[in-house]
C-alpha atoms as a PDB file:
ATOM      1  CA  MET A   1       0.000   0.000   0.000  1.00  0.00           C
ATOM      2  CA  PRO A   2       1.214   3.497  -0.726  1.00  0.00           C
ATOM      3  CA  ILE A   3       1.919   5.772   2.214  1.00  0.00           C
ATOM      4  CA  VAL A   4       0.695   9.376   2.201  1.00  0.00           C
ATOM      5  CA  ARG A   5       1.510  11.706   5.098  1.00  0.00           C
ATOM      6  CA  GLY A   6       2.546   8.721   7.185  1.00  0.00           C
ATOM      7  CA  LYS A   7      -0.656   6.720   6.588  1.00  0.00           C
ATOM      8  CA  ASP A   8      -1.284   3.641   4.479  1.00  0.00           C
ATOM      9  CA  ILE A   9      -3.839   4.362   1.787  1.00  0.00           C
ATOM     10  CA  GLU A  10      -5.802   2.032  -0.439  1.00  0.00           C
ATOM     11  CA  VAL A  11      -5.646   2.763  -4.159  1.00  0.00           C
ATOM     12  CA  LEU A  12      -9.232   2.771  -5.412  1.00  0.00           C
ATOM     13  CA  PHE A  13      -8.545   3.512  -9.086  1.00  0.00           C
ATOM     14  CA  SER A  14      -5.333   2.977 -11.021  1.00  0.00           C
ATOM     15  CA  ALA A  15      -3.768   5.836 -12.955  1.00  0.00           C
ATOM     16  CA  SER A  16      -4.575   4.035 -16.212  1.00  0.00           C
ATOM     17  CA  ALA A  17      -8.247   3.604 -15.226  1.00  0.00           C
ATOM     18  CA  ILE A  18      -8.486   7.321 -14.427  1.00  0.00           C
ATOM     19  CA  ALA A  19      -6.818   8.225 -17.741  1.00  0.00           C
ATOM     20  CA  ARG A  20      -9.286   6.003 -19.635  1.00  0.00           C
ATOM     21  CA  ARG A  21     -12.228   7.598 -17.849  1.00  0.00           C
ATOM     22  CA  ASN A  22     -10.889  11.099 -18.540  1.00  0.00           C
ATOM     23  CA  LEU A  23     -10.738  10.274 -22.253  1.00  0.00           C
ATOM     24  CA  GLU A  24     -14.303   8.900 -22.129  1.00  0.00           C
ATOM     25  CA  LEU A  25     -15.477  12.088 -20.395  1.00  0.00           C
ATOM     26  CA  ALA A  26     -13.652  14.238 -22.941  1.00  0.00           C
ATOM     27  CA  LYS A  27     -15.381  12.378 -25.784  1.00  0.00           C
ATOM     28  CA  GLU A  28     -18.733  12.826 -24.036  1.00  0.00           C
ATOM     29  CA  ILE A  29     -18.060  16.558 -23.611  1.00  0.00           C
ATOM     30  CA  ALA A  30     -17.023  16.809 -27.287  1.00  0.00           C
ATOM     31  CA  GLY A  31     -20.350  15.208 -28.212  1.00  0.00           C
ATOM     32  CA  HIS A  32     -22.273  18.157 -26.788  1.00  0.00           C
ATOM     33  CA  ASP A  33     -22.967  21.157 -28.957  1.00  0.00           C
ATOM     34  CA  TYR A  34     -20.876  23.556 -26.887  1.00  0.00           C
ATOM     35  CA  HIS A  35     -19.856  26.876 -28.416  1.00  0.00           C
ATOM     36  CA  ASP A  36     -17.235  29.167 -26.921  1.00  0.00           C
ATOM     37  CA  LEU A  37     -16.646  26.673 -24.093  1.00  0.00           C
ATOM     38  CA  LEU A  38     -15.210  28.037 -20.863  1.00  0.00           C
ATOM     39  CA  VAL A  39     -13.869  25.414 -18.459  1.00  0.00           C
ATOM     40  CA  ILE A  40     -13.703  26.544 -14.836  1.00  0.00           C
ATOM     41  CA  SER A  41     -11.643  24.497 -12.395  1.00  0.00           C
ATOM     42  CA  VAL A  42     -12.981  24.764  -8.847  1.00  0.00           C
ATOM     43  CA  LEU A  43      -9.933  25.112  -6.602  1.00  0.00           C
ATOM     44  CA  LYS A  44      -8.150  23.737  -4.771  1.00  0.00           C
ATOM     45  CA  GLY A  45      -9.141  20.109  -5.075  1.00  0.00           C
ATOM     46  CA  SER A  46      -9.826  19.904  -8.781  1.00  0.00           C
ATOM     47  CA  PHE A  47      -6.571  21.149 -10.256  1.00  0.00           C
ATOM     48  CA  ILE A  48      -4.988  17.753 -11.051  1.00  0.00           C
ATOM     49  CA  PHE A  49      -8.225  16.223 -12.359  1.00  0.00           C
ATOM     50  CA  ALA A  50      -8.943  19.402 -14.327  1.00  0.00           C
ATOM     51  CA  ALA A  51      -5.479  19.357 -15.921  1.00  0.00           C
ATOM     52  CA  ASP A  52      -5.872  15.703 -16.909  1.00  0.00           C
ATOM     53  CA  LEU A  53      -9.399  16.213 -18.265  1.00  0.00           C
ATOM     54  CA  ILE A  54      -8.449  19.359 -20.195  1.00  0.00           C
ATOM     55  CA  ARG A  55      -5.490  17.492 -21.720  1.00  0.00           C
ATOM     56  CA  ALA A  56      -7.889  14.699 -22.764  1.00  0.00           C
ATOM     57  CA  MET A  57     -10.249  17.334 -24.191  1.00  0.00           C
ATOM     58  CA  HIS A  58      -7.385  18.623 -26.349  1.00  0.00           C
ATOM     59  CA  ASP A  59      -6.733  15.028 -27.479  1.00  0.00           C
ATOM     60  CA  VAL A  60     -10.307  14.839 -28.854  1.00  0.00           C
ATOM     61  CA  GLY A  61     -10.097  18.194 -30.606  1.00  0.00           C
ATOM     62  CA  LEU A  62     -11.489  20.624 -28.032  1.00  0.00           C
ATOM     63  CA  SER A  63      -9.586  23.750 -27.008  1.00  0.00           C
ATOM     64  CA  PRO A  64     -11.602  25.427 -24.298  1.00  0.00           C
ATOM     65  CA  GLU A  65     -10.601  28.573 -22.514  1.00  0.00           C
ATOM     66  CA  VAL A  66      -9.650  27.723 -18.922  1.00  0.00           C
ATOM     67  CA  GLU A  67     -10.332  29.667 -15.734  1.00  0.00           C
ATOM     68  CA  PHE A  68      -9.964  28.985 -12.022  1.00  0.00           C
ATOM     69  CA  ILE A  69     -12.325  29.881  -9.199  1.00  0.00           C
ATOM     70  CA  PHE A  70     -11.656  29.367  -5.499  1.00  0.00           C
ATOM     71  CA  ILE A  71     -14.883  28.605  -3.645  1.00  0.00           C
ATOM     72  CA  SER A  72     -15.095  27.633   0.007  1.00  0.00           C
ATOM     73  CA  SER A  73     -17.868  26.292   2.178  1.00  0.00           C
ATOM     74  CA  TYR A  74     -15.540  25.217   4.925  1.00  0.00           C
ATOM     75  CA  GLY A  75     -14.483  26.810   8.143  1.00  0.00           C
ATOM     76  CA  ALA A  76     -12.221  25.345  10.818  1.00  0.00           C
ATOM     77  CA  GLY A  77     -12.117  21.945   9.100  1.00  0.00           C
ATOM     78  CA  THR A  78     -15.838  21.357   8.730  1.00  0.00           C
ATOM     79  CA  SER A  79     -18.523  22.512   6.365  1.00  0.00           C
ATOM     80  CA  SER A  80     -19.959  25.780   7.597  1.00  0.00           C
ATOM     81  CA  GLY A  81     -22.858  25.822   5.176  1.00  0.00           C
ATOM     82  CA  GLU A  82     -21.793  29.297   4.036  1.00  0.00           C
ATOM     83  CA  VAL A  83     -20.390  29.306   0.521  1.00  0.00           C
ATOM     84  CA  ARG A  84     -18.000  32.108  -0.408  1.00  0.00           C
ATOM     85  CA  VAL A  85     -16.008  33.111  -3.464  1.00  0.00           C
ATOM     86  CA  LEU A  86     -12.412  33.507  -2.304  1.00  0.00           C
ATOM     87  CA  ARG A  87     -11.008  34.148  -5.801  1.00  0.00           C
ATOM     88  CA  ASP A  88     -13.249  34.835  -8.779  1.00  0.00           C
ATOM     89  CA  ILE A  89     -12.685  34.225 -12.481  1.00  0.00           C
ATOM     90  CA  ASP A  90     -11.391  37.026 -14.692  1.00  0.00           C
ATOM     91  CA  ASN A  91     -13.487  36.511 -17.829  1.00  0.00           C
ATOM     92  CA  GLU A  92     -17.121  37.161 -18.664  1.00  0.00           C
ATOM     93  CA  VAL A  93     -19.399  34.139 -18.920  1.00  0.00           C
ATOM     94  CA  ALA A  94     -22.397  35.857 -20.536  1.00  0.00           C
ATOM     95  CA  GLY A  95     -23.560  33.916 -23.582  1.00  0.00           C
ATOM     96  CA  ARG A  96     -20.963  31.176 -23.106  1.00  0.00           C
ATOM     97  CA  ASP A  97     -21.214  27.478 -22.370  1.00  0.00           C
ATOM     98  CA  VAL A  98     -19.499  26.819 -19.040  1.00  0.00           C
ATOM     99  CA  LEU A  99     -18.149  23.524 -17.713  1.00  0.00           C
ATOM    100  CA  LEU A 100     -17.314  23.408 -13.997  1.00  0.00           C
ATOM    101  CA  ILE A 101     -14.724  20.815 -12.994  1.00  0.00           C
ATOM    102  CA  ASP A 102     -14.334  19.590  -9.417  1.00  0.00           C
ATOM    103  CA  ASP A 103     -12.692  16.565  -7.865  1.00  0.00           C
ATOM    104  CA  ILE A 104     -15.370  15.254  -5.487  1.00  0.00           C
ATOM    105  CA  LEU A 105     -19.092  15.853  -5.236  1.00  0.00           C
ATOM    106  CA  GLU A 106     -19.790  15.896  -1.518  1.00  0.00           C
ATOM    107  CA  SER A 107     -22.885  17.814  -0.392  1.00  0.00           C
ATOM    108  CA  GLY A 108     -23.218  19.576  -3.749  1.00  0.00           C
ATOM    109  CA  LYS A 109     -23.493  22.997  -2.076  1.00  0.00           C
ATOM    110  CA  THR A 110     -20.317  24.415  -3.572  1.00  0.00           C
ATOM    111  CA  LEU A 111     -21.052  23.261  -7.120  1.00  0.00           C
ATOM    112  CA  SER A 112     -24.706  24.272  -6.898  1.00  0.00           C
ATOM    113  CA  PHE A 113     -23.681  27.732  -5.680  1.00  0.00           C
ATOM    114  CA  THR A 114     -21.069  28.076  -8.434  1.00  0.00           C
ATOM    115  CA  ARG A 115     -23.456  26.855 -11.144  1.00  0.00           C
ATOM    116  CA  ASP A 116     -26.143  29.295  -9.994  1.00  0.00           C
ATOM    117  CA  LEU A 117     -23.532  32.078  -9.924  1.00  0.00           C
ATOM    118  CA  MET A 118     -22.471  31.405 -13.528  1.00  0.00           C
ATOM    119  CA  LEU A 119     -26.087  31.234 -14.727  1.00  0.00           C
ATOM    120  CA  SER A 120     -26.900  34.489 -12.895  1.00  0.00           C
ATOM    121  CA  ARG A 121     -24.020  36.083 -14.811  1.00  0.00           C
ATOM    122  CA  GLY A 122     -25.633  35.069 -18.090  1.00  0.00           C
ATOM    123  CA  ALA A 123     -23.914  31.793 -18.967  1.00  0.00           C
ATOM    124  CA  LYS A 124     -25.739  30.102 -21.855  1.00  0.00           C
ATOM    125  CA  SER A 125     -25.357  26.767 -20.061  1.00  0.00           C
ATOM    126  CA  CYS A 126     -23.446  25.453 -17.070  1.00  0.00           C
ATOM    127  CA  SER A 127     -22.531  21.772 -16.877  1.00  0.00           C
ATOM    128  CA  ILE A 128     -20.530  19.958 -14.213  1.00  0.00           C
ATOM    129  CA  ALA A 129     -17.861  17.239 -14.404  1.00  0.00           C
ATOM    130  CA  VAL A 130     -16.569  15.568 -11.235  1.00  0.00           C
ATOM    131  CA  LEU A 131     -14.039  12.795 -10.731  1.00  0.00           C
ATOM    132  CA  LEU A 132     -15.918  11.115  -7.857  1.00  0.00           C
ATOM    133  CA  ASP A 133     -19.410  11.427  -6.444  1.00  0.00           C
END
């Protein structure tokens, strides 16, 4: 078993299985009729998954614009229920198709808040891709 921060961890999915799934997701995303696609990685957790998925998207012919947003619903180690934007995106979303990428879907509060925020700013659509739910 691999050791992370002094603890044994169980590998749930191999790197090759994750890479295959990323390619499948990229093909699924390419199958949608997205125009002017803006991919927004929800930080901090999503950055590795987002990088891998965006690379797979390029492999299937997509070249989305990429942004990062830092959203938090945590305080002192637990979910506070209050969702806040700690760092916003720089670009306009009005009239654009938006794809939010996050690593894990837990309560859904953060992604729901972020999706609603993008739609309130005029996004044409706002879809979500997560590694694990």
